[in-house]
């Protein structure tokens, strides 16, 4: 794979630290899932606000009441047309379903058990479903999958050339990557 090193660095990185980071990402993904369910499925908004402020307060180490007031009293309005709302739903779905895939990997590491590939294939199918939603929106950039894949390959070839390198993975020249796509 052009984006995967031949060298595993897991022996240099404490597994418990990695699991902590993965756990935090999963927790954030579950917050996104609650948001998706509130926005698109009508789940109780008050419950979402309460759960989210408790989550943020624990992460940010701030007073829950002050945070709750700031979130509820904000004057921001949704500036999304129908297509934008569908795109947001698809993006939230991509995130939340990807988190479910990561959760299966976390369980495998935590419990030293084999990956549940049956569940993983189902969750990957959900990821693909939300990815496919973007192709239903009528955006010209999403009229055909082939140019998207081709552009991704061009970008990766610009980044790595014929072989993955640690240097280029870490120090990306995004300007030259953008130029190759123009």
N, C-alpha and C. Protein backbone atom coordinates (compact mmCIF):
# COMPACT_ATOMS: atom_id res chain seq x y z
N UNK A 1 0.84 -1.18 0.00
CA UNK A 1 0.00 0.00 0.00
C UNK A 1 0.89 1.25 0.00
N UNK A 2 0.51 2.21 -0.79
CA UNK A 2 1.31 3.43 -0.91
C UNK A 2 1.33 4.24 0.39
N UNK A 3 0.34 4.09 1.26
CA UNK A 3 0.28 4.89 2.49
C UNK A 3 0.66 4.11 3.75
N UNK A 4 1.10 2.87 3.59
CA UNK A 4 1.41 2.03 4.74
C UNK A 4 2.89 1.68 4.74
N UNK A 5 3.52 1.92 5.85
CA UNK A 5 4.93 1.59 6.01
C UNK A 5 5.12 0.08 6.10
N UNK A 6 6.28 -0.39 5.66
CA UNK A 6 6.63 -1.79 5.84
C UNK A 6 7.07 -2.08 7.27
N UNK A 7 7.27 -1.03 8.04
CA UNK A 7 7.80 -1.16 9.40
C UNK A 7 6.69 -0.85 10.41
N UNK A 8 6.51 -1.73 11.36
CA UNK A 8 5.54 -1.53 12.46
C UNK A 8 6.30 -0.90 13.63
N UNK A 9 5.79 0.19 14.17
CA UNK A 9 6.44 0.89 15.27
C UNK A 9 5.72 0.67 16.60
N UNK A 10 4.84 -0.32 16.63
CA UNK A 10 4.08 -0.58 17.85
C UNK A 10 4.94 -0.94 19.05
N UNK A 11 6.13 -1.53 18.79
CA UNK A 11 7.00 -1.88 19.91
C UNK A 11 7.58 -0.65 20.60
N UNK A 12 7.50 0.52 19.97
CA UNK A 12 8.02 1.76 20.54
C UNK A 12 6.92 2.60 21.19
N UNK A 13 5.68 2.13 21.08
CA UNK A 13 4.54 2.92 21.52
C UNK A 13 3.72 2.10 22.51
N UNK A 14 3.55 2.58 23.73
CA UNK A 14 2.80 1.80 24.73
C UNK A 14 1.36 1.54 24.29
N UNK A 15 0.96 0.29 24.32
CA UNK A 15 -0.38 -0.08 23.87
C UNK A 15 -1.45 0.62 24.69
N UNK A 16 -1.24 0.82 25.98
CA UNK A 16 -2.26 1.48 26.80
C UNK A 16 -2.45 2.94 26.42
N UNK A 17 -1.36 3.60 26.00
CA UNK A 17 -1.48 4.97 25.52
C UNK A 17 -2.27 4.99 24.22
N UNK A 18 -1.98 4.08 23.32
CA UNK A 18 -2.71 3.99 22.07
C UNK A 18 -4.19 3.70 22.34
N UNK A 19 -4.46 2.77 23.24
CA UNK A 19 -5.86 2.44 23.56
C UNK A 19 -6.58 3.64 24.17
N UNK A 20 -5.87 4.45 24.96
CA UNK A 20 -6.47 5.65 25.53
C UNK A 20 -6.88 6.64 24.45
N UNK A 21 -6.00 6.82 23.47
CA UNK A 21 -6.30 7.73 22.36
C UNK A 21 -7.46 7.17 21.54
N UNK A 22 -7.43 5.89 21.25
CA UNK A 22 -8.51 5.25 20.50
C UNK A 22 -9.83 5.38 21.28
N UNK A 23 -9.78 5.15 22.58
CA UNK A 23 -10.99 5.25 23.41
C UNK A 23 -11.57 6.67 23.35
N UNK A 24 -10.71 7.69 23.41
CA UNK A 24 -11.19 9.07 23.34
C UNK A 24 -11.83 9.36 21.98
N UNK A 25 -11.25 8.82 20.93
CA UNK A 25 -11.81 9.01 19.60
C UNK A 25 -13.17 8.33 19.50
N UNK A 26 -13.27 7.15 20.06
CA UNK A 26 -14.55 6.44 20.06
C UNK A 26 -15.60 7.23 20.84
N UNK A 27 -15.19 7.80 21.98
CA UNK A 27 -16.12 8.61 22.78
C UNK A 27 -16.60 9.82 21.96
N UNK A 28 -15.68 10.46 21.24
CA UNK A 28 -16.07 11.60 20.40
C UNK A 28 -17.01 11.13 19.28
N UNK A 29 -16.74 9.96 18.72
CA UNK A 29 -17.61 9.41 17.69
C UNK A 29 -19.01 9.13 18.20
N UNK A 30 -19.10 8.69 19.44
CA UNK A 30 -20.41 8.46 20.03
C UNK A 30 -21.16 9.77 20.24
N UNK A 31 -20.41 10.85 20.52
CA UNK A 31 -21.02 12.17 20.61
C UNK A 31 -21.60 12.57 19.25
N UNK A 32 -20.84 12.32 18.18
CA UNK A 32 -21.34 12.61 16.84
C UNK A 32 -22.57 11.77 16.52
N UNK A 33 -22.59 10.53 16.98
CA UNK A 33 -23.75 9.68 16.74
C UNK A 33 -24.98 10.23 17.45
N UNK A 34 -24.79 10.73 18.67
CA UNK A 34 -25.92 11.34 19.39
C UNK A 34 -26.42 12.57 18.64
N UNK A 35 -25.48 13.36 18.11
CA UNK A 35 -25.85 14.54 17.33
C UNK A 35 -26.63 14.12 16.09
N UNK A 36 -26.13 13.13 15.37
CA UNK A 36 -26.81 12.65 14.16
C UNK A 36 -28.23 12.20 14.50
N UNK A 37 -28.37 11.47 15.59
CA UNK A 37 -29.70 10.96 15.97
C UNK A 37 -30.63 12.09 16.38
N UNK A 38 -30.08 13.15 16.99
CA UNK A 38 -30.91 14.29 17.37
C UNK A 38 -31.34 15.08 16.13
N UNK A 39 -30.39 15.34 15.23
CA UNK A 39 -30.69 16.16 14.06
C UNK A 39 -31.57 15.45 13.05
N UNK A 40 -31.34 14.17 12.85
CA UNK A 40 -32.00 13.48 11.74
C UNK A 40 -33.07 12.49 12.16
N UNK A 41 -33.05 12.05 13.41
CA UNK A 41 -34.02 11.04 13.84
C UNK A 41 -34.90 11.55 14.97
N UNK A 42 -34.66 12.81 15.41
CA UNK A 42 -35.51 13.42 16.41
C UNK A 42 -35.26 13.00 17.84
N UNK A 43 -34.10 12.38 18.11
CA UNK A 43 -33.81 12.00 19.49
C UNK A 43 -33.81 13.26 20.36
N UNK A 44 -34.25 13.14 21.57
CA UNK A 44 -34.42 14.24 22.50
C UNK A 44 -33.19 15.15 22.55
N UNK A 45 -33.37 16.40 22.15
CA UNK A 45 -32.28 17.37 22.12
C UNK A 45 -31.80 17.67 23.54
N UNK A 46 -32.71 17.77 24.50
CA UNK A 46 -32.29 18.07 25.88
C UNK A 46 -31.33 17.01 26.39
N UNK A 47 -31.61 15.77 26.07
CA UNK A 47 -30.71 14.69 26.48
C UNK A 47 -29.36 14.87 25.82
N UNK A 48 -29.36 15.23 24.55
CA UNK A 48 -28.11 15.44 23.82
C UNK A 48 -27.31 16.56 24.45
N UNK A 49 -27.94 17.68 24.73
CA UNK A 49 -27.23 18.83 25.32
C UNK A 49 -26.65 18.44 26.67
N UNK A 50 -27.45 17.77 27.50
CA UNK A 50 -26.97 17.37 28.82
C UNK A 50 -25.80 16.40 28.71
N UNK A 51 -25.93 15.38 27.86
CA UNK A 51 -24.86 14.39 27.70
C UNK A 51 -23.61 15.04 27.11
N UNK A 52 -23.80 15.93 26.14
CA UNK A 52 -22.65 16.53 25.48
C UNK A 52 -21.93 17.49 26.42
N UNK A 53 -22.66 18.28 27.19
CA UNK A 53 -21.99 19.20 28.10
C UNK A 53 -21.24 18.44 29.17
N UNK A 54 -21.78 17.33 29.63
CA UNK A 54 -21.06 16.51 30.61
C UNK A 54 -19.78 15.96 30.00
N UNK A 55 -19.87 15.50 28.76
CA UNK A 55 -18.69 14.98 28.06
C UNK A 55 -17.65 16.09 27.88
N UNK A 56 -18.07 17.25 27.35
CA UNK A 56 -17.12 18.34 27.14
C UNK A 56 -16.52 18.85 28.45
N UNK A 57 -17.36 18.94 29.47
CA UNK A 57 -16.87 19.42 30.76
C UNK A 57 -15.78 18.50 31.29
N UNK A 58 -15.94 17.20 31.11
CA UNK A 58 -14.92 16.27 31.59
C UNK A 58 -13.64 16.38 30.77
N UNK A 59 -13.78 16.59 29.47
CA UNK A 59 -12.60 16.70 28.61
C UNK A 59 -11.89 18.04 28.83
N UNK A 60 -12.66 19.12 28.94
CA UNK A 60 -12.08 20.46 29.04
C UNK A 60 -11.84 20.90 30.48
N UNK A 61 -12.33 20.12 31.44
CA UNK A 61 -12.20 20.46 32.86
C UNK A 61 -12.79 21.85 33.15
N UNK A 62 -14.06 22.04 32.75
CA UNK A 62 -14.75 23.29 33.00
C UNK A 62 -16.07 23.01 33.70
N UNK A 63 -16.70 24.08 34.18
CA UNK A 63 -17.98 23.98 34.87
C UNK A 63 -19.09 23.61 33.89
N UNK A 64 -19.81 22.54 34.19
CA UNK A 64 -20.86 22.03 33.30
C UNK A 64 -21.95 23.06 33.09
N UNK A 65 -22.39 23.77 34.13
CA UNK A 65 -23.48 24.73 34.00
C UNK A 65 -23.09 25.88 33.06
N UNK A 66 -21.88 26.41 33.20
CA UNK A 66 -21.44 27.51 32.34
C UNK A 66 -21.37 27.05 30.88
N UNK A 67 -20.88 25.86 30.68
CA UNK A 67 -20.77 25.32 29.33
C UNK A 67 -22.16 25.09 28.73
N UNK A 68 -23.07 24.56 29.53
CA UNK A 68 -24.44 24.31 29.09
C UNK A 68 -25.11 25.62 28.67
N UNK A 69 -24.96 26.66 29.49
CA UNK A 69 -25.54 27.96 29.17
C UNK A 69 -24.98 28.53 27.87
N UNK A 70 -23.68 28.40 27.69
CA UNK A 70 -23.04 28.92 26.48
C UNK A 70 -23.53 28.20 25.24
N UNK A 71 -23.74 26.90 25.34
CA UNK A 71 -24.17 26.13 24.18
C UNK A 71 -25.62 26.44 23.82
N UNK A 72 -26.48 26.56 24.81
CA UNK A 72 -27.90 26.77 24.55
C UNK A 72 -28.18 28.21 24.12
N UNK A 73 -27.44 29.17 24.68
CA UNK A 73 -27.71 30.58 24.40
C UNK A 73 -27.04 31.10 23.14
N UNK A 74 -26.31 30.26 22.45
CA UNK A 74 -25.63 30.72 21.23
C UNK A 74 -26.63 31.18 20.19
N UNK A 75 -26.23 32.15 19.37
CA UNK A 75 -27.12 32.71 18.36
C UNK A 75 -26.89 32.13 16.97
N UNK A 76 -26.03 31.17 16.86
CA UNK A 76 -25.73 30.60 15.54
C UNK A 76 -26.96 29.92 14.98
N UNK A 77 -27.13 30.03 13.65
CA UNK A 77 -28.24 29.39 12.97
C UNK A 77 -27.70 28.41 11.95
N UNK A 78 -28.49 27.40 11.65
CA UNK A 78 -28.11 26.44 10.62
C UNK A 78 -28.15 27.13 9.27
N UNK A 79 -27.08 27.03 8.52
CA UNK A 79 -27.00 27.62 7.20
C UNK A 79 -26.80 26.52 6.17
N UNK A 80 -27.73 25.57 6.17
CA UNK A 80 -27.64 24.43 5.25
C UNK A 80 -28.94 24.29 4.48
N UNK A 81 -28.80 24.19 3.16
CA UNK A 81 -29.98 23.86 2.37
C UNK A 81 -30.20 22.35 2.46
N UNK A 82 -31.18 21.84 1.73
CA UNK A 82 -31.51 20.42 1.81
C UNK A 82 -30.31 19.55 1.43
N UNK A 83 -29.58 19.96 0.39
CA UNK A 83 -28.40 19.18 -0.03
C UNK A 83 -27.32 19.22 1.06
N UNK A 84 -27.13 20.37 1.66
CA UNK A 84 -26.15 20.48 2.74
C UNK A 84 -26.51 19.63 3.94
N UNK A 85 -27.81 19.54 4.23
CA UNK A 85 -28.25 18.69 5.34
C UNK A 85 -27.99 17.21 5.04
N UNK A 86 -28.19 16.82 3.79
CA UNK A 86 -27.90 15.42 3.41
C UNK A 86 -26.40 15.17 3.47
N UNK A 87 -25.60 16.14 3.01
CA UNK A 87 -24.14 15.99 3.06
C UNK A 87 -23.67 15.88 4.51
N UNK A 88 -24.25 16.68 5.40
CA UNK A 88 -23.88 16.60 6.82
C UNK A 88 -24.25 15.23 7.37
N UNK A 89 -25.42 14.74 7.02
CA UNK A 89 -25.84 13.41 7.48
C UNK A 89 -24.85 12.35 7.00
N UNK A 90 -24.44 12.44 5.73
CA UNK A 90 -23.49 11.47 5.19
C UNK A 90 -22.14 11.57 5.89
N UNK A 91 -21.67 12.79 6.14
CA UNK A 91 -20.38 12.98 6.81
C UNK A 91 -20.43 12.45 8.24
N UNK A 92 -21.51 12.75 8.95
CA UNK A 92 -21.66 12.22 10.31
C UNK A 92 -21.73 10.70 10.28
N UNK A 93 -22.45 10.16 9.31
CA UNK A 93 -22.55 8.71 9.18
C UNK A 93 -21.20 8.07 8.90
N UNK A 94 -20.40 8.68 8.01
CA UNK A 94 -19.05 8.16 7.74
C UNK A 94 -18.23 8.10 9.03
N UNK A 95 -18.31 9.18 9.80
CA UNK A 95 -17.55 9.23 11.07
C UNK A 95 -18.04 8.19 12.06
N UNK A 96 -19.35 8.14 12.27
CA UNK A 96 -19.86 7.26 13.32
C UNK A 96 -19.69 5.80 12.95
N UNK A 97 -19.86 5.46 11.69
CA UNK A 97 -19.67 4.06 11.29
C UNK A 97 -18.19 3.69 11.31
N UNK A 98 -17.30 4.62 10.94
CA UNK A 98 -15.86 4.36 11.04
C UNK A 98 -15.45 4.12 12.48
N UNK A 99 -16.07 4.85 13.39
CA UNK A 99 -15.80 4.65 14.81
C UNK A 99 -16.23 3.24 15.23
N UNK A 100 -17.32 2.75 14.68
CA UNK A 100 -17.76 1.38 15.02
C UNK A 100 -16.75 0.34 14.52
N UNK A 101 -16.13 0.59 13.37
CA UNK A 101 -15.06 -0.30 12.90
C UNK A 101 -13.89 -0.24 13.87
N UNK A 102 -13.50 0.97 14.26
CA UNK A 102 -12.38 1.15 15.19
C UNK A 102 -12.69 0.49 16.54
N UNK A 103 -13.94 0.56 16.96
CA UNK A 103 -14.36 -0.05 18.22
C UNK A 103 -14.13 -1.57 18.19
N UNK A 104 -14.39 -2.20 17.06
CA UNK A 104 -14.15 -3.64 16.94
C UNK A 104 -12.66 -3.96 17.06
N UNK A 105 -11.83 -3.11 16.50
CA UNK A 105 -10.37 -3.31 16.60
C UNK A 105 -9.92 -3.08 18.03
N UNK A 106 -10.46 -2.04 18.68
CA UNK A 106 -10.13 -1.77 20.08
C UNK A 106 -10.49 -2.97 20.96
N UNK A 107 -11.66 -3.55 20.74
CA UNK A 107 -12.07 -4.72 21.52
C UNK A 107 -11.11 -5.88 21.31
N UNK A 108 -10.67 -6.07 20.09
CA UNK A 108 -9.73 -7.15 19.78
C UNK A 108 -8.42 -6.96 20.53
N UNK A 109 -7.92 -5.71 20.56
CA UNK A 109 -6.68 -5.42 21.27
C UNK A 109 -6.88 -5.57 22.77
N UNK A 110 -7.94 -4.98 23.28
CA UNK A 110 -8.19 -4.96 24.72
C UNK A 110 -8.37 -6.37 25.29
N UNK A 111 -9.11 -7.20 24.59
CA UNK A 111 -9.43 -8.53 25.11
C UNK A 111 -8.57 -9.63 24.49
N UNK A 112 -7.57 -9.22 23.71
CA UNK A 112 -6.67 -10.17 23.08
C UNK A 112 -7.45 -11.27 22.37
N UNK A 113 -8.41 -10.82 21.56
CA UNK A 113 -9.29 -11.75 20.86
C UNK A 113 -9.21 -11.49 19.36
N UNK A 114 -9.64 -12.46 18.56
CA UNK A 114 -9.62 -12.24 17.12
C UNK A 114 -10.60 -11.14 16.71
N UNK A 115 -10.29 -10.47 15.61
CA UNK A 115 -11.21 -9.48 15.07
C UNK A 115 -12.51 -10.17 14.68
N UNK A 116 -13.61 -9.53 14.97
CA UNK A 116 -14.91 -10.03 14.54
C UNK A 116 -15.13 -9.52 13.11
N UNK A 117 -14.63 -10.28 12.16
CA UNK A 117 -14.66 -9.83 10.77
C UNK A 117 -16.08 -9.81 10.20
N UNK A 118 -16.97 -10.62 10.74
CA UNK A 118 -18.36 -10.59 10.28
C UNK A 118 -18.98 -9.24 10.62
N UNK A 119 -18.81 -8.79 11.86
CA UNK A 119 -19.32 -7.48 12.25
C UNK A 119 -18.59 -6.37 11.50
N UNK A 120 -17.27 -6.56 11.34
CA UNK A 120 -16.50 -5.54 10.66
C UNK A 120 -16.98 -5.35 9.22
N UNK A 121 -17.31 -6.45 8.54
CA UNK A 121 -17.78 -6.31 7.17
C UNK A 121 -19.12 -5.58 7.13
N UNK A 122 -19.97 -5.81 8.12
CA UNK A 122 -21.24 -5.09 8.19
C UNK A 122 -21.01 -3.59 8.41
N UNK A 123 -20.10 -3.26 9.32
CA UNK A 123 -19.82 -1.85 9.61
C UNK A 123 -19.15 -1.18 8.41
N UNK A 124 -18.27 -1.90 7.72
CA UNK A 124 -17.64 -1.34 6.51
C UNK A 124 -18.69 -1.11 5.43
N UNK A 125 -19.69 -1.98 5.38
CA UNK A 125 -20.81 -1.76 4.46
C UNK A 125 -21.55 -0.48 4.80
N UNK A 126 -21.73 -0.19 6.09
CA UNK A 126 -22.37 1.06 6.50
C UNK A 126 -21.52 2.26 6.10
N UNK A 127 -20.20 2.15 6.26
CA UNK A 127 -19.29 3.23 5.84
C UNK A 127 -19.48 3.48 4.34
N UNK A 128 -19.51 2.40 3.58
CA UNK A 128 -19.67 2.53 2.13
C UNK A 128 -21.03 3.14 1.77
N UNK A 129 -22.05 2.81 2.53
CA UNK A 129 -23.38 3.39 2.29
C UNK A 129 -23.32 4.91 2.40
N UNK A 130 -22.76 5.40 3.51
CA UNK A 130 -22.69 6.84 3.71
C UNK A 130 -21.78 7.50 2.68
N UNK A 131 -20.71 6.83 2.28
CA UNK A 131 -19.84 7.33 1.22
C UNK A 131 -20.65 7.49 -0.07
N UNK A 132 -21.45 6.49 -0.37
CA UNK A 132 -22.25 6.51 -1.60
C UNK A 132 -23.29 7.62 -1.61
N UNK A 133 -23.74 8.06 -0.44
CA UNK A 133 -24.74 9.13 -0.38
C UNK A 133 -24.23 10.38 -1.09
N UNK A 134 -22.93 10.65 -1.00
CA UNK A 134 -22.38 11.84 -1.65
C UNK A 134 -22.62 11.81 -3.17
N UNK A 135 -22.72 10.62 -3.73
CA UNK A 135 -22.94 10.49 -5.17
C UNK A 135 -24.40 10.71 -5.56
N UNK A 136 -25.27 10.85 -4.59
CA UNK A 136 -26.68 11.10 -4.89
C UNK A 136 -27.03 12.58 -4.83
N UNK A 137 -26.06 13.43 -4.48
CA UNK A 137 -26.35 14.83 -4.21
C UNK A 137 -26.30 15.74 -5.43
N UNK A 138 -25.80 15.23 -6.54
CA UNK A 138 -25.75 16.04 -7.75
C UNK A 138 -24.55 16.95 -7.84
N UNK A 139 -23.58 16.82 -6.95
CA UNK A 139 -22.36 17.61 -7.06
C UNK A 139 -21.58 17.11 -8.28
N UNK A 140 -21.12 18.02 -9.15
CA UNK A 140 -20.38 17.57 -10.34
C UNK A 140 -19.14 16.73 -9.98
N UNK A 141 -18.50 17.07 -8.86
CA UNK A 141 -17.30 16.34 -8.43
C UNK A 141 -17.61 14.90 -8.02
N UNK A 142 -18.89 14.61 -7.78
CA UNK A 142 -19.29 13.29 -7.34
C UNK A 142 -20.13 12.56 -8.39
N UNK A 143 -19.97 12.94 -9.65
CA UNK A 143 -20.77 12.29 -10.69
C UNK A 143 -20.17 10.96 -11.10
N UNK A 144 -18.87 10.76 -10.79
CA UNK A 144 -18.19 9.54 -11.21
C UNK A 144 -17.10 9.22 -10.19
N UNK A 145 -17.06 8.00 -9.73
CA UNK A 145 -16.05 7.58 -8.75
C UNK A 145 -14.65 7.53 -9.35
N UNK A 146 -14.53 7.22 -10.62
CA UNK A 146 -13.21 7.04 -11.22
C UNK A 146 -12.30 8.26 -11.10
N UNK A 147 -12.78 9.49 -11.40
CA UNK A 147 -11.89 10.64 -11.24
C UNK A 147 -11.48 10.89 -9.78
N UNK A 148 -12.36 10.57 -8.86
CA UNK A 148 -12.02 10.75 -7.44
C UNK A 148 -10.88 9.81 -7.07
N UNK A 149 -10.99 8.56 -7.48
CA UNK A 149 -9.93 7.59 -7.19
C UNK A 149 -8.65 7.96 -7.93
N UNK A 150 -8.78 8.37 -9.20
CA UNK A 150 -7.60 8.77 -9.97
C UNK A 150 -6.89 9.95 -9.31
N UNK A 151 -7.65 10.96 -8.89
CA UNK A 151 -7.04 12.13 -8.24
C UNK A 151 -6.37 11.76 -6.93
N UNK A 152 -6.96 10.82 -6.21
CA UNK A 152 -6.33 10.38 -4.97
C UNK A 152 -5.00 9.69 -5.27
N UNK A 153 -4.98 8.86 -6.30
CA UNK A 153 -3.73 8.20 -6.69
C UNK A 153 -2.69 9.21 -7.16
N UNK A 154 -3.11 10.23 -7.93
CA UNK A 154 -2.18 11.27 -8.37
C UNK A 154 -1.59 12.01 -7.17
N UNK A 155 -2.45 12.32 -6.21
CA UNK A 155 -2.00 13.02 -5.00
C UNK A 155 -0.99 12.16 -4.24
N UNK A 156 -1.31 10.88 -4.07
CA UNK A 156 -0.40 9.99 -3.34
C UNK A 156 0.90 9.77 -4.09
N UNK A 157 0.84 9.69 -5.42
CA UNK A 157 2.06 9.54 -6.20
C UNK A 157 2.92 10.79 -6.08
N UNK A 158 2.28 11.96 -6.08
CA UNK A 158 3.03 13.21 -5.88
C UNK A 158 3.70 13.22 -4.51
N UNK A 159 3.01 12.70 -3.52
CA UNK A 159 3.54 12.69 -2.15
C UNK A 159 4.68 11.68 -1.99
N UNK A 160 4.47 10.46 -2.48
CA UNK A 160 5.41 9.38 -2.18
C UNK A 160 6.25 8.91 -3.36
N UNK A 161 5.88 9.26 -4.57
CA UNK A 161 6.57 8.69 -5.71
C UNK A 161 6.24 7.21 -5.80
N UNK A 162 7.27 6.41 -6.07
CA UNK A 162 7.05 4.97 -6.23
C UNK A 162 7.02 4.20 -4.93
N UNK A 163 7.46 4.82 -3.82
CA UNK A 163 7.58 4.07 -2.57
C UNK A 163 7.29 4.97 -1.37
N UNK A 164 6.63 4.40 -0.40
CA UNK A 164 6.34 5.09 0.85
C UNK A 164 7.64 5.51 1.53
N UNK A 165 7.67 6.73 2.08
CA UNK A 165 8.79 7.13 2.94
C UNK A 165 8.22 7.80 4.18
N UNK A 166 8.90 7.60 5.31
CA UNK A 166 8.47 8.23 6.56
C UNK A 166 8.54 9.74 6.43
N UNK A 167 9.61 10.23 5.81
CA UNK A 167 9.82 11.67 5.66
C UNK A 167 8.65 12.32 4.93
N UNK A 168 8.23 11.73 3.81
CA UNK A 168 7.14 12.33 3.04
C UNK A 168 5.78 12.13 3.70
N UNK A 169 5.64 11.10 4.49
CA UNK A 169 4.38 10.89 5.22
C UNK A 169 4.19 11.96 6.29
N UNK A 170 5.29 12.35 6.90
CA UNK A 170 5.22 13.32 8.00
C UNK A 170 5.28 14.75 7.48
N UNK A 171 6.14 15.02 6.51
CA UNK A 171 6.34 16.37 5.98
C UNK A 171 5.75 16.47 4.57
N UNK A 172 4.48 16.68 4.54
CA UNK A 172 3.76 16.70 3.26
C UNK A 172 3.88 18.06 2.60
N UNK A 173 4.00 18.06 1.29
CA UNK A 173 4.00 19.27 0.49
C UNK A 173 2.61 19.40 -0.14
N UNK A 174 1.67 19.89 0.64
CA UNK A 174 0.28 19.94 0.19
C UNK A 174 0.09 20.86 -1.00
N UNK A 175 0.92 21.89 -1.12
CA UNK A 175 0.82 22.79 -2.26
C UNK A 175 1.12 22.06 -3.56
N UNK A 176 2.17 21.25 -3.58
CA UNK A 176 2.47 20.51 -4.81
C UNK A 176 1.42 19.43 -5.06
N UNK A 177 0.84 18.88 -4.01
CA UNK A 177 -0.24 17.90 -4.18
C UNK A 177 -1.46 18.54 -4.81
N UNK A 178 -1.77 19.76 -4.40
CA UNK A 178 -2.91 20.47 -4.98
C UNK A 178 -2.64 20.83 -6.44
N UNK A 179 -1.40 21.23 -6.74
CA UNK A 179 -1.05 21.62 -8.12
C UNK A 179 -1.19 20.46 -9.08
N UNK A 180 -0.84 19.25 -8.64
CA UNK A 180 -0.93 18.10 -9.54
C UNK A 180 -2.38 17.79 -9.91
N UNK A 181 -3.32 18.26 -9.12
CA UNK A 181 -4.74 17.98 -9.38
C UNK A 181 -5.39 19.07 -10.23
N UNK A 182 -4.67 20.15 -10.51
CA UNK A 182 -5.26 21.25 -11.28
C UNK A 182 -5.12 21.03 -12.76
